[in-house]
Amino acid sequence: MDLLEAEEKQALNQAHGIQVHLENRLLDLRKTQVQVQRISRTKNSLDFLQEYCEWRQQALDTSLPSVCIELKDTSKFFAKIITESTEKLCVAMTTEFTDRLHKACTHEPALGIKTTVQKINAAQRNKRLPDPQTRKDLLKYGKQLSFDGTSSHKFLRLTEEGRKVTNTTPWQHPYPDHDLRFDHWRQVLCTESVYLDRVYYELDFNGDGTHLGLAYKSLPRKGAEAEGCLCSNNGSWCLQWTGKSFSAWHDDEEVILPVTPGPRFSRMGVYVDHTGGLLRFYGLRPSPVDDDAQICLVHEFTAQFREPLYPAFFLPKKENAVMLVPPGEPVKSPTPPTSSNNNENANNNNGNANNNNEKTTSPLNGDSKTVTSETAQNVNAKNAKSEVAEEAKANSDGNANKWNANPTENRDSNTPTKETAPNANANNSSNAKSDIADIG
């Protein structure tokens, strides 16, 4: 057995040595061919013979003929012979090397060359990295993104070195005209793309109606057609925040997602596996245990991505904002609303019995965000009890005086009409009792 292994090893070493020698020889012959072709292009016969003699002295191949020709008109014939002979020699060497290598792989199974190669290819073909399950796993594919200013709609303002976008309707920005700029849908793409790779990025967002997703670069930029919208194209995938929950959009089809239990997500994470055809949206909250964040899968798309994907955002309403943050940055709790804003919105809610949600603003990097009344009433509950009762009493009298003095002023969708003014005191009293009961 040892003798066979020794012979096998010796044969392999010999074959390897021959292979290296032939490869080097082939390389030298190709260099010779190039040199000969250069010399053959010399028009002057005397120059040709001089260059050939100099080259022959430098050449290592001793088989080259020694030439002494006095007839100038024979130089072309001589060059043709050398060129053709060299080409034939290169072809013969290449063919011989290929045939011998093929025979060694096919007719000598003891070498195990063919079988080993097939096993390696099969293993590589079936090998797939496991999908990330935790934020730590996702951060291995983390990437910092930035917005593409050439695609931004003129109602969208880019700040923070191109990492934050805000809807400033009706204020336009003096962006230059560009073929890639959205002129109707208030959308923007990122500069970076995802192609044949895995990428994870994180962002903070603000405002109802904000759409977060990815799209092909072929997403139409001009006109008001639905195909140009992030949620209506067959080459785009996105989530829409409705104020209470998310909706998933693709090719103008909406899937309303169930409300995720717990407080509103402080941050969103997006994971893309382009080769695997996987797109996941995660919600992130601060962890009460450590500095890491709690992560929750909100929705998952599966598709066969044919083109590079570009992170894309649709901000249809004023003050909608998105901030691209460095992946792994600590997640902060949403800033709770102030008690004054809570009482003010409670009074506005009393004026409209059909309005079930109240709006309160809290800063997110200088912008505002909308939270539900249930979240607002959970903040400073003890102070809110007394303040709601006092404000309700004061506003009930104030509202009655207001409608007597200005019966036609401030009529809109959220303001009671003149006919409802006589019932203002009763509504305020009943709503105040209800608010106190809910807070308690």
Protein backbone atom coordinates (compact mmCIF):
# COMPACT_ATOMS: atom_id res chain seq x y z
CA MET A 1 0.00 0.00 0.00
CA ASP A 2 2.80 2.39 0.87
CA LEU A 3 4.55 1.48 -2.38
CA LEU A 4 1.46 2.36 -4.41
CA GLU A 5 1.06 5.66 -2.60
CA ALA A 6 4.72 6.47 -3.21
CA GLU A 7 4.39 5.68 -6.92
CA GLU A 8 1.23 7.73 -7.11
CA LYS A 9 2.92 10.68 -5.43
CA GLN A 10 5.91 10.36 -7.75
CA ALA A 11 3.66 10.27 -10.80
CA LEU A 12 1.78 13.33 -9.62
CA ASN A 13 4.99 15.25 -9.01
CA GLN A 14 6.27 14.26 -12.41
CA ALA A 15 3.05 15.31 -14.12
CA HIS A 16 3.08 18.60 -12.25
CA GLY A 17 6.67 19.25 -13.27
CA ILE A 18 5.89 18.51 -16.90
CA GLN A 19 2.86 20.78 -16.75
CA VAL A 20 4.84 23.69 -15.34
CA HIS A 21 7.60 23.17 -17.90
CA LEU A 22 5.16 23.08 -20.80
CA GLU A 23 3.37 26.19 -19.57
CA ASN A 24 6.64 28.09 -19.32
CA ARG A 25 7.71 26.82 -22.71
CA LEU A 26 4.40 27.88 -24.22
CA LEU A 27 4.78 31.35 -22.73
CA ASP A 28 8.28 31.68 -24.19
CA LEU A 29 7.09 30.58 -27.61
CA ARG A 30 4.32 33.14 -27.58
CA LYS A 31 6.81 35.85 -26.73
CA THR A 32 8.97 34.59 -29.60
CA GLN A 33 5.99 34.75 -31.92
CA VAL A 34 5.29 38.36 -30.99
CA GLN A 35 8.94 39.28 -31.51
CA VAL A 36 9.09 37.53 -34.88
CA GLN A 37 5.92 39.23 -36.05
CA ARG A 38 7.36 42.59 -35.08
CA ILE A 39 10.56 41.88 -37.00
CA SER A 40 8.62 40.61 -40.00
CA ARG A 41 6.85 43.94 -40.32
CA THR A 42 10.18 45.66 -40.98
CA LYS A 43 10.05 46.93 -44.55
CA ASN A 44 13.75 47.51 -45.02
CA SER A 45 15.53 44.19 -45.65
CA LEU A 46 18.80 45.37 -44.15
CA ASP A 47 17.10 46.51 -40.96
CA PHE A 48 15.25 43.21 -40.83
CA LEU A 49 18.44 41.14 -40.94
CA GLN A 50 20.14 43.33 -38.36
CA GLU A 51 17.23 43.08 -35.92
CA TYR A 52 16.97 39.34 -36.44
CA CYS A 53 20.65 38.78 -35.75
CA GLU A 54 20.48 40.89 -32.59
CA TRP A 55 17.36 39.09 -31.42
CA ARG A 56 18.90 35.67 -32.13
CA GLN A 57 21.89 36.49 -29.91
CA GLN A 58 19.52 37.34 -27.04
CA ALA A 59 17.24 34.35 -27.58
CA LEU A 60 17.71 31.31 -25.36
CA ASP A 61 16.51 28.85 -27.98
CA THR A 62 19.61 27.33 -29.60
CA SER A 63 17.52 25.68 -32.31
CA LEU A 64 17.05 28.96 -34.16
CA PRO A 65 18.83 28.88 -37.52
CA SER A 66 21.86 30.98 -38.25
CA VAL A 67 21.01 33.03 -41.31
CA CYS A 68 23.27 34.91 -43.63
CA ILE A 69 21.33 36.21 -46.61
CA GLU A 70 22.57 38.77 -49.01
CA LEU A 71 19.50 38.93 -51.23
CA LYS A 72 17.16 41.60 -49.91
CA ASP A 73 14.11 40.34 -51.76
CA THR A 74 14.06 37.05 -49.76
CA SER A 75 13.32 38.70 -46.39
CA LYS A 76 9.54 38.45 -46.69
CA PHE A 77 9.72 34.78 -47.54
CA PHE A 78 11.99 34.16 -44.57
CA ALA A 79 9.69 36.03 -42.20
CA LYS A 80 6.70 34.06 -43.44
CA ILE A 81 8.43 30.75 -42.78
CA ILE A 82 9.38 31.76 -39.23
CA THR A 83 5.90 33.04 -38.42
CA GLU A 84 4.09 29.98 -39.75
CA SER A 85 6.49 27.59 -38.06
CA THR A 86 6.12 29.35 -34.72
CA GLU A 87 2.32 29.34 -34.94
CA LYS A 88 2.26 25.64 -35.76
CA LEU A 89 4.58 24.93 -32.87
CA CYS A 90 2.34 26.84 -30.43
CA VAL A 91 -0.75 24.98 -31.63
CA ALA A 92 1.01 21.64 -31.38
CA MET A 93 2.27 22.34 -27.86
CA THR A 94 -1.17 23.48 -26.67
CA THR A 95 -2.92 20.48 -28.21
CA GLU A 96 -0.43 18.04 -26.76
CA PHE A 97 -0.71 19.53 -23.30
CA THR A 98 -4.53 19.50 -23.39
CA ASP A 99 -4.71 15.91 -24.61
CA ARG A 100 -2.30 14.62 -21.98
CA LEU A 101 -4.11 16.44 -19.19
CA HIS A 102 -7.48 15.08 -20.37
CA LYS A 103 -6.14 11.52 -20.45
CA ALA A 104 -4.69 11.90 -16.97
CA CYS A 105 -8.06 13.03 -15.60
CA THR A 106 -10.16 10.46 -17.48
CA HIS A 107 -8.17 7.24 -17.67
CA GLU A 108 -6.35 7.35 -14.36
CA PRO A 109 -9.06 7.19 -11.68
CA ALA A 110 -6.43 6.58 -9.01
CA LEU A 111 -5.57 10.26 -9.21
CA GLY A 112 -9.13 11.15 -8.23
CA ILE A 113 -9.08 14.40 -10.16
CA LYS A 114 -12.46 14.17 -11.89
CA THR A 115 -14.40 12.95 -8.88
CA THR A 116 -12.92 15.55 -6.52
CA VAL A 117 -13.75 18.45 -8.81
CA GLN A 118 -17.37 17.35 -9.18
CA LYS A 119 -17.83 17.05 -5.42
CA ILE A 120 -16.42 20.51 -4.77
CA ASN A 121 -18.67 22.10 -7.39
CA ALA A 122 -21.74 20.36 -6.02
CA ALA A 123 -20.93 21.46 -2.48
CA GLN A 124 -20.43 25.04 -3.54
CA ARG A 125 -23.62 24.99 -5.57
CA ASN A 126 -25.74 23.75 -2.67
CA LYS A 127 -24.02 25.79 0.01
CA ARG A 128 -26.13 28.64 1.43
CA LEU A 129 -25.39 30.85 4.37
CA PRO A 130 -28.00 30.69 7.14
CA ASP A 131 -30.49 33.54 7.32
CA PRO A 132 -29.74 36.05 10.11
CA GLN A 133 -32.00 35.73 13.13
CA THR A 134 -30.80 38.44 15.52
CA ARG A 135 -29.79 42.06 15.16
CA LYS A 136 -26.20 41.02 15.73
CA ASP A 137 -26.45 38.66 12.76
CA LEU A 138 -28.04 41.36 10.62
CA LEU A 139 -25.34 43.90 11.44
CA LYS A 140 -22.80 41.66 9.70
CA TYR A 141 -24.35 42.93 6.48
CA GLY A 142 -24.83 46.51 7.72
CA LYS A 143 -24.39 49.36 5.25
CA GLN A 144 -24.71 53.13 5.63
CA LEU A 145 -26.88 54.66 2.89
CA SER A 146 -27.40 58.17 1.53
CA PHE A 147 -30.09 59.75 -0.63
CA ASP A 148 -29.57 60.43 -4.33
CA GLY A 149 -30.11 64.15 -4.85
CA THR A 150 -30.68 63.73 -8.58
CA SER A 151 -33.85 61.67 -7.92
CA SER A 152 -35.40 63.78 -5.12
CA HIS A 153 -38.73 65.52 -5.78
CA LYS A 154 -38.60 69.31 -5.46
CA PHE A 155 -40.87 69.22 -2.38
CA LEU A 156 -38.37 67.01 -0.53
CA ARG A 157 -35.51 68.63 1.39
CA LEU A 158 -32.25 66.73 1.89
CA THR A 159 -30.19 67.50 5.00
CA GLU A 160 -27.68 65.83 7.33
CA GLU A 161 -25.21 65.32 4.47
CA GLY A 162 -27.81 63.58 2.34
CA ARG A 163 -28.98 61.17 5.07
CA LYS A 164 -32.28 62.86 5.98
CA VAL A 165 -35.25 63.74 3.77
CA THR A 166 -38.28 65.84 4.79
CA ASN A 167 -41.46 66.75 2.92
CA THR A 168 -41.66 70.57 2.97
CA THR A 169 -44.87 71.03 0.97
CA PRO A 170 -45.71 73.65 -0.32
CA TRP A 171 -42.11 74.88 -0.30
CA GLN A 172 -40.13 73.81 -3.36
CA HIS A 173 -36.36 73.55 -3.53
CA PRO A 174 -34.30 74.87 -6.45
CA TYR A 175 -33.06 71.51 -7.64
CA PRO A 176 -31.85 71.47 -11.25
CA ASP A 177 -33.92 69.56 -13.78
CA HIS A 178 -32.75 65.99 -14.26
CA ASP A 179 -33.99 62.99 -16.21
CA LEU A 180 -33.88 60.87 -13.04
CA ARG A 181 -35.81 63.34 -10.84
CA PHE A 182 -39.38 62.50 -9.78
CA ASP A 183 -41.65 65.30 -11.00
CA HIS A 184 -45.01 64.11 -9.60
CA TRP A 185 -44.66 61.47 -6.91
CA ARG A 186 -42.82 62.83 -3.87
CA GLN A 187 -40.23 60.12 -3.83
CA VAL A 188 -36.46 59.71 -3.57
CA LEU A 189 -34.05 56.82 -4.11
CA CYS A 190 -30.74 56.06 -2.45
CA THR A 191 -27.41 56.28 -4.21
CA GLU A 192 -26.36 52.78 -3.17
CA SER A 193 -27.87 49.64 -4.71
CA VAL A 194 -28.14 45.98 -3.72
CA TYR A 195 -27.12 43.38 -6.31
CA LEU A 196 -26.08 39.73 -5.85
CA ASP A 197 -25.37 40.47 -2.22
CA ARG A 198 -26.84 40.74 1.27
CA VAL A 199 -27.38 44.20 2.75
CA TYR A 200 -28.96 45.46 5.98
CA TYR A 201 -29.71 49.10 6.79
CA GLU A 202 -31.65 51.01 9.47
CA LEU A 203 -33.73 54.18 9.46
CA ASP A 204 -35.95 56.38 11.59
CA PHE A 205 -39.18 57.68 10.05
CA ASN A 206 -41.93 60.10 10.98
CA GLY A 207 -45.48 60.76 9.83
CA ASP A 208 -48.55 58.84 8.70
CA GLY A 209 -48.46 57.66 5.11
CA THR A 210 -44.68 57.28 4.90
CA HIS A 211 -43.66 54.47 2.51
CA LEU A 212 -40.41 52.54 3.00
CA GLY A 213 -39.23 50.11 0.34
CA LEU A 214 -36.97 49.15 -2.54
CA ALA A 215 -37.35 49.46 -6.29
CA TYR A 216 -35.59 48.90 -9.58
CA LYS A 217 -33.84 51.89 -11.09
CA SER A 218 -36.29 51.63 -14.00
CA LEU A 219 -39.08 53.03 -11.78
CA PRO A 220 -40.67 55.80 -13.94
CA ARG A 221 -39.70 59.32 -12.85
CA LYS A 222 -41.96 61.51 -14.97
CA GLY A 223 -45.73 61.86 -15.04
CA ALA A 224 -48.59 61.03 -12.70
CA GLU A 225 -49.15 57.46 -13.90
CA ALA A 226 -49.63 54.90 -11.14
CA GLU A 227 -46.63 52.88 -12.33
CA GLY A 228 -44.37 55.69 -11.13
CA CYS A 229 -45.57 55.27 -7.54
CA LEU A 230 -43.57 53.11 -5.15
CA CYS A 231 -46.60 51.06 -4.14
CA SER A 232 -48.01 50.48 -7.65
CA ASN A 233 -45.08 49.16 -9.69
CA ASN A 234 -44.29 45.50 -10.30
CA GLY A 235 -40.63 46.34 -9.75
CA SER A 236 -41.04 47.81 -6.27
CA TRP A 237 -41.81 46.48 -2.78
CA CYS A 238 -42.67 48.68 0.22
CA LEU A 239 -44.39 49.12 3.58
CA GLN A 240 -46.73 52.01 4.40
CA TRP A 241 -47.14 53.32 7.95
CA THR A 242 -50.84 54.16 8.51
CA GLY A 243 -50.49 55.66 11.98
CA LYS A 244 -51.47 52.48 13.82
CA SER A 245 -50.11 49.66 11.69
CA PHE A 246 -48.36 48.83 8.43
CA SER A 247 -49.61 47.89 4.99
CA ALA A 248 -47.51 45.93 2.50
CA TRP A 249 -47.60 47.07 -1.15
CA HIS A 250 -46.45 45.47 -4.40
CA ASP A 251 -47.76 45.98 -7.94
CA ASP A 252 -50.71 48.07 -6.67
CA GLU A 253 -51.86 45.30 -4.31
CA GLU A 254 -52.19 46.06 -0.60
CA VAL A 255 -51.95 43.63 2.29
CA ILE A 256 -53.04 45.15 5.61
CA LEU A 257 -50.77 43.79 8.32
CA PRO A 258 -51.98 43.10 11.87
CA VAL A 259 -51.16 45.61 14.57
CA THR A 260 -47.95 44.64 16.33
CA PRO A 261 -48.41 44.51 20.13
CA GLY A 262 -46.38 46.91 22.22
CA PRO A 263 -45.34 50.53 21.73
CA ARG A 264 -44.59 52.05 18.36
CA PHE A 265 -41.31 50.96 16.82
CA SER A 266 -38.51 53.47 17.36
CA ARG A 267 -36.66 52.34 14.24
CA MET A 268 -37.01 50.14 11.18
CA GLY A 269 -34.44 47.72 9.81
CA VAL A 270 -34.45 46.41 6.23
CA TYR A 271 -32.65 43.21 5.19
CA VAL A 272 -32.18 42.29 1.52
CA ASP A 273 -30.86 38.99 0.18
CA HIS A 274 -30.78 39.73 -3.54
CA THR A 275 -29.57 36.29 -4.63
CA GLY A 276 -31.97 34.47 -2.31
CA GLY A 277 -34.93 36.65 -3.39
CA LEU A 278 -35.71 37.74 0.16
CA LEU A 279 -36.74 41.16 1.52
CA ARG A 280 -37.54 41.61 5.22
CA PHE A 281 -38.72 44.60 7.25
CA TYR A 282 -37.96 44.60 10.98
CA GLY A 283 -39.24 46.85 13.75
CA LEU A 284 -36.80 47.84 16.51
CA ARG A 285 -37.46 48.91 20.09
CA PRO A 286 -35.07 49.64 22.98
CA SER A 287 -34.29 46.55 25.02
CA PRO A 288 -35.06 46.77 28.76
CA VAL A 289 -32.31 44.22 29.48
CA ASP A 290 -29.20 45.51 27.68
CA ASP A 291 -28.00 48.12 25.21
CA ASP A 292 -29.12 46.06 22.24
CA ALA A 293 -32.53 46.45 20.62
CA GLN A 294 -35.54 44.19 20.52
CA ILE A 295 -36.21 43.15 16.93
CA CYS A 296 -39.52 42.04 15.46
CA LEU A 297 -40.25 40.84 11.92
CA VAL A 298 -42.99 43.05 10.47
CA HIS A 299 -43.26 41.63 6.96
CA GLU A 300 -41.37 39.52 4.43
CA PHE A 301 -41.41 39.64 0.62
CA THR A 302 -40.12 36.81 -1.56
CA ALA A 303 -39.40 37.42 -5.24
CA GLN A 304 -36.92 36.72 -8.00
CA PHE A 305 -35.02 39.99 -8.29
CA ARG A 306 -33.83 40.57 -11.86
CA GLU A 307 -32.17 43.97 -11.45
CA PRO A 308 -30.24 45.86 -8.77
CA LEU A 309 -32.50 47.13 -5.98
CA TYR A 310 -32.39 50.73 -4.76
CA PRO A 311 -33.81 51.73 -1.35
CA ALA A 312 -36.76 54.02 -2.12
CA PHE A 313 -39.08 56.25 -0.07
CA PHE A 314 -42.46 57.88 -0.75
CA LEU A 315 -43.35 60.85 1.52
CA PRO A 316 -46.83 62.01 0.45
CA LYS A 317 -47.66 64.32 3.37
CA LYS A 318 -46.14 67.47 4.80
CA GLU A 319 -43.59 66.87 7.57
CA ASN A 320 -43.09 63.22 6.59
CA ALA A 321 -39.41 62.51 7.28
CA VAL A 322 -36.90 59.66 7.00
CA MET A 323 -33.45 59.56 8.59
CA LEU A 324 -30.89 56.97 7.46
CA VAL A 325 -28.92 56.02 10.57
CA PRO A 326 -25.68 54.02 10.88
CA PRO A 327 -26.57 50.34 11.41
CA GLY A 328 -26.05 49.37 15.03
CA GLU A 329 -26.60 52.84 16.45
CA PRO A 330 -28.36 52.63 19.86
CA VAL A 331 -32.14 52.69 19.61
CA LYS A 332 -33.84 55.41 21.64
CA SER A 333 -37.36 55.43 23.00
CA PRO A 334 -39.84 57.72 21.24
CA THR A 335 -40.08 61.10 22.96
CA PRO A 336 -43.40 61.13 24.90
CA PRO A 337 -45.88 63.95 24.23
CA THR A 338 -46.14 66.82 26.72
CA SER A 339 -49.15 67.17 29.01
CA SER A 340 -50.06 70.57 27.52
CA ASN A 341 -50.29 69.07 24.06
CA ASN A 342 -52.29 66.19 25.47
CA ASN A 343 -54.89 68.52 27.04
CA GLU A 344 -55.06 70.73 23.97
CA ASN A 345 -55.74 67.77 21.71
CA ALA A 346 -58.27 66.36 24.17
CA ASN A 347 -60.25 69.62 23.94
CA ASN A 348 -60.10 69.56 20.15
CA ASN A 349 -61.38 66.00 20.28
CA ASN A 350 -64.39 67.11 22.36
CA GLY A 351 -65.38 69.50 19.57
CA ASN A 352 -65.66 66.63 17.11
CA ALA A 353 -67.43 63.55 18.48
CA ASN A 354 -66.55 61.48 15.41
CA ASN A 355 -62.79 62.04 15.74
CA ASN A 356 -61.47 58.98 17.61
CA ASN A 357 -57.77 59.79 17.43
CA GLU A 358 -55.94 62.78 18.84
CA LYS A 359 -52.69 64.14 17.42
CA THR A 360 -49.78 65.24 19.49
CA THR A 361 -46.36 66.27 18.29
CA SER A 362 -42.99 65.37 19.62
CA PRO A 363 -39.63 66.15 18.03
CA LEU A 364 -37.76 63.60 15.90
CA ASN A 365 -34.57 65.37 14.87
CA GLY A 366 -36.46 68.62 14.60
CA ASP A 367 -39.61 67.18 12.96
CA SER A 368 -42.98 66.08 14.32
CA LYS A 369 -44.66 62.71 14.54
CA THR A 370 -48.21 61.47 15.15
CA VAL A 371 -49.12 59.18 18.01
CA THR A 372 -52.51 57.75 18.99
CA SER A 373 -54.62 59.00 21.87
CA GLU A 374 -54.10 55.75 23.75
CA THR A 375 -50.33 56.34 23.81
CA ALA A 376 -50.73 59.98 24.82
CA GLN A 377 -53.07 59.19 27.73
CA ASN A 378 -50.58 56.76 29.21
CA VAL A 379 -48.06 59.58 29.79
CA ASN A 380 -48.16 61.35 33.14
CA ALA A 381 -51.51 59.79 34.00
CA LYS A 382 -51.67 61.28 37.47
CA ASN A 383 -51.25 64.87 36.24
CA ALA A 384 -53.50 64.31 33.24
CA LYS A 385 -56.47 63.39 35.46
CA SER A 386 -56.65 66.72 37.19
CA GLU A 387 -55.60 68.75 34.14
CA VAL A 388 -58.20 67.19 31.85
CA ALA A 389 -60.95 67.89 34.37
CA GLU A 390 -59.89 71.52 34.84
CA GLU A 391 -59.40 72.16 31.13
CA ALA A 392 -62.71 70.51 30.24
CA LYS A 393 -64.58 72.79 32.64
CA ALA A 394 -62.80 75.90 31.42
CA ASN A 395 -63.23 75.03 27.77
CA SER A 396 -66.90 74.19 28.15
CA ASP A 397 -67.59 77.78 29.21
CA GLY A 398 -65.11 79.17 26.69
CA ASN A 399 -66.58 77.22 23.80
CA ALA A 400 -70.09 78.41 24.55
CA ASN A 401 -68.92 82.05 24.58
CA LYS A 402 -66.91 81.49 21.43
CA TRP A 403 -69.84 80.20 19.40
CA ASN A 404 -72.11 82.96 20.66
CA ALA A 405 -69.57 85.61 19.62
CA ASN A 406 -68.31 84.09 16.35
CA PRO A 407 -70.92 81.63 15.04
CA THR A 408 -69.42 81.44 11.51
CA GLU A 409 -65.70 81.40 12.31
CA ASN A 410 -63.27 78.51 11.92
CA ARG A 411 -65.45 75.97 10.17
CA ASP A 412 -63.53 72.92 8.88
CA SER A 413 -63.69 69.16 9.00
CA ASN A 414 -62.49 69.04 12.63
CA THR A 415 -64.55 72.02 13.97
CA PRO A 416 -68.18 71.75 15.24
CA THR A 417 -70.83 73.69 13.31
CA LYS A 418 -73.06 76.37 14.76
CA GLU A 419 -75.86 73.86 15.32
CA THR A 420 -73.67 71.77 17.64
CA ALA A 421 -72.71 74.72 19.86
CA PRO A 422 -75.63 74.37 22.29
CA ASN A 423 -74.47 70.84 23.03
CA ALA A 424 -70.84 71.84 23.64
CA ASN A 425 -71.17 71.93 27.42
CA ALA A 426 -72.79 68.53 27.57
CA ASN A 427 -70.25 66.99 25.20
CA ASN A 428 -67.31 68.46 27.09
CA SER A 429 -68.60 67.25 30.43
CA SER A 430 -69.27 63.72 29.21
CA ASN A 431 -65.97 63.51 27.33
CA ALA A 432 -64.07 64.80 30.35
CA LYS A 433 -65.60 62.07 32.49
CA SER A 434 -64.74 59.50 29.85
CA ASP A 435 -61.16 60.76 29.60
CA ILE A 436 -60.70 60.60 33.38
CA ALA A 437 -62.13 57.08 33.45
CA ASP A 438 -59.80 55.94 30.64
CA ILE A 439 -56.75 57.45 32.30
CA GLY A 440 -57.63 55.87 35.60
